[in-house]
PDB file of N, CA and C in Angstrom:
ATOM      1  N   MET A   1       0.845  -1.185   0.000  1.00  0.00           N
ATOM      2  CA  MET A   1       0.000   0.000   0.000  1.00  0.00           C
ATOM      3  C   MET A   1       0.889   1.246   0.000  1.00  0.00           C
ATOM      4  N   GLN A   2       0.593   2.160  -0.880  1.00  0.00           N
ATOM      5  CA  GLN A   2       1.333   3.421  -0.973  1.00  0.00           C
ATOM      6  C   GLN A   2       0.527   4.503  -0.255  1.00  0.00           C
ATOM      7  N   PRO A   3       1.084   5.106   0.782  1.00  0.00           N
ATOM      8  CA  PRO A   3       0.334   6.141   1.505  1.00  0.00           C
ATOM      9  C   PRO A   3       0.269   7.444   0.708  1.00  0.00           C
ATOM     10  N   ASP A   4      -0.640   8.308   1.113  1.00  0.00           N
ATOM     11  CA  ASP A   4      -0.683   9.656   0.560  1.00  0.00           C
ATOM     12  C   ASP A   4      -0.282  10.618   1.680  1.00  0.00           C
ATOM     13  N   ALA A   5      -0.236  11.899   1.378  1.00  0.00           N
ATOM     14  CA  ALA A   5       0.202  12.891   2.363  1.00  0.00           C
ATOM     15  C   ALA A   5      -0.695  12.904   3.594  1.00  0.00           C
ATOM     16  N   ASN A   6      -1.986  12.701   3.420  1.00  0.00           N
ATOM     17  CA  ASN A   6      -2.897  12.683   4.557  1.00  0.00           C
ATOM     18  C   ASN A   6      -2.615  11.484   5.451  1.00  0.00           C
ATOM     19  N   THR A   7      -2.285  10.342   4.865  1.00  0.00           N
ATOM     20  CA  THR A   7      -1.944   9.158   5.649  1.00  0.00           C
ATOM     21  C   THR A   7      -0.688   9.419   6.471  1.00  0.00           C
ATOM     22  N   VAL A   8       0.283  10.100   5.881  1.00  0.00           N
ATOM     23  CA  VAL A   8       1.507  10.458   6.610  1.00  0.00           C
ATOM     24  C   VAL A   8       1.139  11.332   7.808  1.00  0.00           C
ATOM     25  N   PHE A   9       0.272  12.297   7.606  1.00  0.00           N
ATOM     26  CA  PHE A   9      -0.154  13.180   8.689  1.00  0.00           C
ATOM     27  C   PHE A   9      -0.831  12.396   9.803  1.00  0.00           C
ATOM     28  N   VAL A  10      -1.769  11.548   9.454  1.00  0.00           N
ATOM     29  CA  VAL A  10      -2.498  10.762  10.448  1.00  0.00           C
ATOM     30  C   VAL A  10      -1.540   9.842  11.210  1.00  0.00           C
ATOM     31  N   LEU A  11      -0.631   9.187  10.489  1.00  0.00           N
ATOM     32  CA  LEU A  11       0.321   8.303  11.134  1.00  0.00           C
ATOM     33  C   LEU A  11       1.247   9.095  12.054  1.00  0.00           C
ATOM     34  N   TRP A  12       1.699  10.257  11.614  1.00  0.00           N
ATOM     35  CA  TRP A  12       2.543  11.100  12.459  1.00  0.00           C
ATOM     36  C   TRP A  12       1.802  11.451  13.751  1.00  0.00           C
ATOM     37  N   CYS A  13       0.536  11.815  13.638  1.00  0.00           N
ATOM     38  CA  CYS A  13      -0.252  12.142  14.829  1.00  0.00           C
ATOM     39  C   CYS A  13      -0.334  10.946  15.772  1.00  0.00           C
ATOM     40  N   ARG A  14      -0.589   9.783  15.237  1.00  0.00           N
ATOM     41  CA  ARG A  14      -0.683   8.576  16.074  1.00  0.00           C
ATOM     42  C   ARG A  14       0.642   8.250  16.742  1.00  0.00           C
ATOM     43  N   LEU A  15       1.729   8.346  15.999  1.00  0.00           N
ATOM     44  CA  LEU A  15       3.040   8.004  16.543  1.00  0.00           C
ATOM     45  C   LEU A  15       3.519   8.998  17.597  1.00  0.00           C
ATOM     46  N   THR A  16       3.063  10.233  17.507  1.00  0.00           N
ATOM     47  CA  THR A  16       3.484  11.252  18.468  1.00  0.00           C
ATOM     48  C   THR A  16       2.454  11.471  19.573  1.00  0.00           C
ATOM     49  N   GLY A  17       1.311  10.820  19.480  1.00  0.00           N
ATOM     50  CA  GLY A  17       0.275  11.003  20.481  1.00  0.00           C
ATOM     51  C   GLY A  17      -0.421  12.348  20.382  1.00  0.00           C
ATOM     52  N   THR A  18      -0.388  12.928  19.193  1.00  0.00           N
ATOM     53  CA  THR A  18      -0.999  14.231  18.947  1.00  0.00           C
ATOM     54  C   THR A  18      -2.425  14.036  18.461  1.00  0.00           C
ATOM     55  N   ASP A  19      -3.353  14.766  19.060  1.00  0.00           N
ATOM     56  CA  ASP A  19      -4.750  14.685  18.651  1.00  0.00           C
ATOM     57  C   ASP A  19      -4.932  15.433  17.330  1.00  0.00           C
ATOM     58  N   ILE A  20      -5.447  14.751  16.335  1.00  0.00           N
ATOM     59  CA  ILE A  20      -5.667  15.362  15.022  1.00  0.00           C
ATOM     60  C   ILE A  20      -6.557  16.602  15.144  1.00  0.00           C
ATOM     61  N   ALA A  21      -7.481  16.574  16.084  1.00  0.00           N
ATOM     62  CA  ALA A  21      -8.405  17.697  16.262  1.00  0.00           C
ATOM     63  C   ALA A  21      -7.700  18.954  16.763  1.00  0.00           C
ATOM     64  N   ASP A  22      -6.458  18.823  17.219  1.00  0.00           N
ATOM     65  CA  ASP A  22      -5.703  19.995  17.676  1.00  0.00           C
ATOM     66  C   ASP A  22      -5.232  20.868  16.518  1.00  0.00           C
ATOM     67  N   PHE A  23      -5.327  20.365  15.295  1.00  0.00           N
ATOM     68  CA  PHE A  23      -4.866  21.097  14.118  1.00  0.00           C
ATOM     69  C   PHE A  23      -6.045  21.781  13.427  1.00  0.00           C
ATOM     70  N   THR A  24      -5.829  23.024  13.054  1.00  0.00           N
ATOM     71  CA  THR A  24      -6.816  23.694  12.216  1.00  0.00           C
ATOM     72  C   THR A  24      -6.652  23.159  10.793  1.00  0.00           C
ATOM     73  N   ASP A  25      -7.611  23.433   9.941  1.00  0.00           N
ATOM     74  CA  ASP A  25      -7.493  23.012   8.542  1.00  0.00           C
ATOM     75  C   ASP A  25      -6.245  23.605   7.898  1.00  0.00           C
ATOM     76  N   GLU A  26      -5.954  24.849   8.205  1.00  0.00           N
ATOM     77  CA  GLU A  26      -4.783  25.511   7.634  1.00  0.00           C
ATOM     78  C   GLU A  26      -3.491  24.846   8.122  1.00  0.00           C
ATOM     79  N   GLU A  27      -3.420  24.531   9.404  1.00  0.00           N
ATOM     80  CA  GLU A  27      -2.225  23.869   9.941  1.00  0.00           C
ATOM     81  C   GLU A  27      -2.030  22.494   9.307  1.00  0.00           C
ATOM     82  N   ARG A  28      -3.123  21.798   9.105  1.00  0.00           N
ATOM     83  CA  ARG A  28      -3.046  20.484   8.475  1.00  0.00           C
ATOM     84  C   ARG A  28      -2.552  20.610   7.028  1.00  0.00           C
ATOM     85  N   ARG A  29      -3.087  21.572   6.295  1.00  0.00           N
ATOM     86  CA  ARG A  29      -2.639  21.801   4.913  1.00  0.00           C
ATOM     87  C   ARG A  29      -1.155  22.163   4.882  1.00  0.00           C
ATOM     88  N   ASP A  30      -0.733  23.019   5.820  1.00  0.00           N
ATOM     89  CA  ASP A  30       0.685  23.402   5.891  1.00  0.00           C
ATOM     90  C   ASP A  30       1.563  22.187   6.180  1.00  0.00           C
ATOM     91  N   PHE A  31       1.101  21.326   7.057  1.00  0.00           N
ATOM     92  CA  PHE A  31       1.869  20.125   7.400  1.00  0.00           C
ATOM     93  C   PHE A  31       2.044  19.241   6.165  1.00  0.00           C
ATOM     94  N   VAL A  32       0.966  18.934   5.471  1.00  0.00           N
ATOM     95  CA  VAL A  32       1.054  18.009   4.334  1.00  0.00           C
ATOM     96  C   VAL A  32       1.768  18.621   3.133  1.00  0.00           C
ATOM     97  N   ARG A  33       1.955  19.932   3.114  1.00  0.00           N
ATOM     98  CA  ARG A  33       2.692  20.586   2.021  1.00  0.00           C
ATOM     99  C   ARG A  33       4.201  20.541   2.210  1.00  0.00           C
ATOM    100  N   ARG A  34       4.659  20.160   3.395  1.00  0.00           N
ATOM    101  CA  ARG A  34       6.101  20.124   3.644  1.00  0.00           C
ATOM    102  C   ARG A  34       6.751  19.116   2.699  1.00  0.00           C
ATOM    103  N   PRO A  35       7.916  19.446   2.171  1.00  0.00           N
ATOM    104  CA  PRO A  35       8.568  18.553   1.200  1.00  0.00           C
ATOM    105  C   PRO A  35       8.871  17.166   1.780  1.00  0.00           C
ATOM    106  N   GLN A  36       9.129  17.084   3.074  1.00  0.00           N
ATOM    107  CA  GLN A  36       9.406  15.794   3.692  1.00  0.00           C
ATOM    108  C   GLN A  36       8.184  14.880   3.636  1.00  0.00           C
ATOM    109  N   VAL A  37       6.999  15.467   3.742  1.00  0.00           N
ATOM    110  CA  VAL A  37       5.768  14.671   3.699  1.00  0.00           C
ATOM    111  C   VAL A  37       5.607  14.039   2.323  1.00  0.00           C
ATOM    112  N   ALA A  38       5.877  14.797   1.272  1.00  0.00           N
ATOM    113  CA  ALA A  38       5.786  14.249  -0.086  1.00  0.00           C
ATOM    114  C   ALA A  38       6.752  13.079  -0.252  1.00  0.00           C
ATOM    115  N   GLU A  39       7.949  13.219   0.286  1.00  0.00           N
ATOM    116  CA  GLU A  39       8.927  12.134   0.188  1.00  0.00           C
ATOM    117  C   GLU A  39       8.499  10.926   1.019  1.00  0.00           C
ATOM    118  N   LEU A  40       7.980  11.177   2.213  1.00  0.00           N
ATOM    119  CA  LEU A  40       7.495  10.081   3.050  1.00  0.00           C
ATOM    120  C   LEU A  40       6.319   9.370   2.388  1.00  0.00           C
ATOM    121  N   ALA A  41       5.485  10.115   1.685  1.00  0.00           N
ATOM    122  CA  ALA A  41       4.325   9.525   1.017  1.00  0.00           C
ATOM    123  C   ALA A  41       4.730   8.616  -0.139  1.00  0.00           C
ATOM    124  N   ASN A  42       5.965   8.700  -0.576  1.00  0.00           N
ATOM    125  CA  ASN A  42       6.464   7.809  -1.631  1.00  0.00           C
ATOM    126  C   ASN A  42       7.097   6.546  -1.055  1.00  0.00           C
ATOM    127  N   THR A  43       6.842   6.291   0.198  1.00  0.00           N
ATOM    128  CA  THR A  43       7.397   5.143   0.905  1.00  0.00           C
ATOM    129  C   THR A  43       6.288   4.125   1.136  1.00  0.00           C
ATOM    130  N   PRO A  44       6.547   2.848   0.912  1.00  0.00           N
ATOM    131  CA  PRO A  44       5.519   1.841   1.224  1.00  0.00           C
ATOM    132  C   PRO A  44       5.101   1.963   2.694  1.00  0.00           C
ATOM    133  N   TYR A  45       3.813   1.759   2.946  1.00  0.00           N
ATOM    134  CA  TYR A  45       3.262   1.971   4.287  1.00  0.00           C
ATOM    135  C   TYR A  45       4.004   1.176   5.356  1.00  0.00           C
ATOM    136  N   GLU A  46       4.327  -0.068   5.078  1.00  0.00           N
ATOM    137  CA  GLU A  46       4.981  -0.920   6.066  1.00  0.00           C
ATOM    138  C   GLU A  46       6.337  -0.338   6.474  1.00  0.00           C
ATOM    139  N   VAL A  47       7.089   0.156   5.501  1.00  0.00           N
ATOM    140  CA  VAL A  47       8.391   0.778   5.774  1.00  0.00           C
ATOM    141  C   VAL A  47       8.172   2.075   6.541  1.00  0.00           C
ATOM    142  N   LEU A  48       7.192   2.851   6.127  1.00  0.00           N
ATOM    143  CA  LEU A  48       6.879   4.114   6.786  1.00  0.00           C
ATOM    144  C   LEU A  48       6.537   3.881   8.252  1.00  0.00           C
ATOM    145  N   LEU A  49       5.720   2.896   8.522  1.00  0.00           N
ATOM    146  CA  LEU A  49       5.317   2.580   9.889  1.00  0.00           C
ATOM    147  C   LEU A  49       6.506   2.114  10.718  1.00  0.00           C
ATOM    148  N   ASP A  50       7.279   1.160  10.204  1.00  0.00           N
ATOM    149  CA  ASP A  50       8.441   0.657  10.944  1.00  0.00           C
ATOM    150  C   ASP A  50       9.432   1.772  11.242  1.00  0.00           C
ATOM    151  N   ALA A  51       9.724   2.588  10.247  1.00  0.00           N
ATOM    152  CA  ALA A  51      10.665   3.688  10.433  1.00  0.00           C
ATOM    153  C   ALA A  51      10.110   4.726  11.411  1.00  0.00           C
ATOM    154  N   GLY A  52       8.814   4.976  11.334  1.00  0.00           N
ATOM    155  CA  GLY A  52       8.186   5.935  12.246  1.00  0.00           C
ATOM    156  C   GLY A  52       8.235   5.467  13.682  1.00  0.00           C
ATOM    157  N   ILE A  53       7.993   4.189  13.894  1.00  0.00           N
ATOM    158  CA  ILE A  53       8.062   3.632  15.252  1.00  0.00           C
ATOM    159  C   ILE A  53       9.480   3.760  15.787  1.00  0.00           C
ATOM    160  N   GLU A  54      10.455   3.410  14.962  1.00  0.00           N
ATOM    161  CA  GLU A  54      11.856   3.503  15.379  1.00  0.00           C
ATOM    162  C   GLU A  54      12.244   4.953  15.681  1.00  0.00           C
ATOM    163  N   ALA A  55      11.890   5.862  14.817  1.00  0.00           N
ATOM    164  CA  ALA A  55      12.263   7.269  14.989  1.00  0.00           C
ATOM    165  C   ALA A  55      11.526   7.915  16.158  1.00  0.00           C
ATOM    166  N   ALA A  56      10.316   7.473  16.458  1.00  0.00           N
ATOM    167  CA  ALA A  56       9.503   8.077  17.527  1.00  0.00           C
ATOM    168  C   ALA A  56       9.915   7.600  18.914  1.00  0.00           C
ATOM    169  N   ARG A  57      10.802   6.652  18.996  1.00  0.00           N
ATOM    170  CA  ARG A  57      11.223   6.147  20.310  1.00  0.00           C
ATOM    171  C   ARG A  57      11.872   7.229  21.162  1.00  0.00           C
ATOM    172  N   HIS A  58      12.254   8.312  20.548  1.00  0.00           N
ATOM    173  CA  HIS A  58      12.891   9.402  21.275  1.00  0.00           C
ATOM    174  C   HIS A  58      11.857  10.368  21.855  1.00  0.00           C
ATOM    175  N   GLY A  59      10.582  10.075  21.710  1.00  0.00           N
ATOM    176  CA  GLY A  59       9.526  10.909  22.272  1.00  0.00           C
ATOM    177  C   GLY A  59       8.990  11.965  21.339  1.00  0.00           C
ATOM    178  N   THR A  60       9.681  12.206  20.243  1.00  0.00           N
ATOM    179  CA  THR A  60       9.211  13.155  19.236  1.00  0.00           C
ATOM    180  C   THR A  60       9.421  12.511  17.871  1.00  0.00           C
ATOM    181  N   LEU A  61       8.871  13.106  16.872  1.00  0.00           N
ATOM    182  CA  LEU A  61       9.046  12.563  15.527  1.00  0.00           C
ATOM    183  C   LEU A  61       9.212  13.688  14.513  1.00  0.00           C
ATOM    184  N   PRO A  62      10.379  14.337  14.514  1.00  0.00           N
ATOM    185  CA  PRO A  62      10.631  15.319  13.458  1.00  0.00           C
ATOM    186  C   PRO A  62      10.607  14.613  12.104  1.00  0.00           C
ATOM    187  N   LEU A  63      10.044  15.262  11.116  1.00  0.00           N
ATOM    188  CA  LEU A  63       9.944  14.644   9.796  1.00  0.00           C
ATOM    189  C   LEU A  63      11.315  14.282   9.243  1.00  0.00           C
ATOM    190  N   GLU A  64      12.306  15.088   9.551  1.00  0.00           N
ATOM    191  CA  GLU A  64      13.648  14.807   9.059  1.00  0.00           C
ATOM    192  C   GLU A  64      14.180  13.499   9.631  1.00  0.00           C
ATOM    193  N   ARG A  65      13.941  13.247  10.932  1.00  0.00           N
ATOM    194  CA  ARG A  65      14.385  12.000  11.554  1.00  0.00           C
ATOM    195  C   ARG A  65      13.635  10.815  10.954  1.00  0.00           C
ATOM    196  N   TRP A  66      12.362  11.022  10.660  1.00  0.00           N
ATOM    197  CA  TRP A  66      11.557   9.964  10.066  1.00  0.00           C
ATOM    198  C   TRP A  66      12.103   9.608   8.683  1.00  0.00           C
ATOM    199  N   LEU A  67      12.455  10.622   7.902  1.00  0.00           N
ATOM    200  CA  LEU A  67      13.034  10.371   6.582  1.00  0.00           C
ATOM    201  C   LEU A  67      14.347   9.598   6.694  1.00  0.00           C
ATOM    202  N   THR A  68      15.174   9.967   7.647  1.00  0.00           N
ATOM    203  CA  THR A  68      16.437   9.260   7.853  1.00  0.00           C
ATOM    204  C   THR A  68      16.174   7.807   8.204  1.00  0.00           C
ATOM    205  N   ALA A  69      15.195   7.557   9.054  1.00  0.00           N
ATOM    206  CA  ALA A  69      14.851   6.186   9.429  1.00  0.00           C
ATOM    207  C   ALA A  69      14.317   5.403   8.226  1.00  0.00           C
ATOM    208  N   VAL A  70      13.516   6.052   7.384  1.00  0.00           N
ATOM    209  CA  VAL A  70      13.007   5.403   6.163  1.00  0.00           C
ATOM    210  C   VAL A  70      14.178   5.008   5.275  1.00  0.00           C
ATOM    211  N   GLN A  71      15.115   5.907   5.103  1.00  0.00           N
ATOM    212  CA  GLN A  71      16.266   5.612   4.243  1.00  0.00           C
ATOM    213  C   GLN A  71      17.095   4.464   4.808  1.00  0.00           C
ATOM    214  N   THR A  72      17.208   4.387   6.121  1.00  0.00           N
ATOM    215  CA  THR A  72      17.944   3.306   6.772  1.00  0.00           C
ATOM    216  C   THR A  72      17.230   1.977   6.575  1.00  0.00           C
ATOM    217  N   VAL A  73      15.909   1.972   6.733  1.00  0.00           N
ATOM    218  CA  VAL A  73      15.124   0.741   6.572  1.00  0.00           C
ATOM    219  C   VAL A  73      15.198   0.251   5.132  1.00  0.00           C
ATOM    220  N   ARG A  74      15.213   1.169   4.172  1.00  0.00           N
ATOM    221  CA  ARG A  74      15.247   0.791   2.759  1.00  0.00           C
ATOM    222  C   ARG A  74      16.570   0.167   2.347  1.00  0.00           C
ATOM    223  N   ILE A  75      17.652   0.492   3.029  1.00  0.00           N
ATOM    224  CA  ILE A  75      18.987   0.013   2.628  1.00  0.00           C
ATOM    225  C   ILE A  75      19.158  -1.447   2.914  1.00  0.00           C
TER     226      ILE A  75
END
């Protein structure tokens, strides 16, 4: 399954424990427009999830760290 930008957003919220309702529509649009989200959305869901879990172990999930974890899992 290939995720889309919205799936990346929802997964990020779940992995960080952030309530989706805390975001306004504008904030959500801004989040999914980030270049890292587009790159993450080109990652198979299983890899995205595994990398997100690994990267989130530090209590936060910066998109840059998530991308690094995706690249590590892909290698």
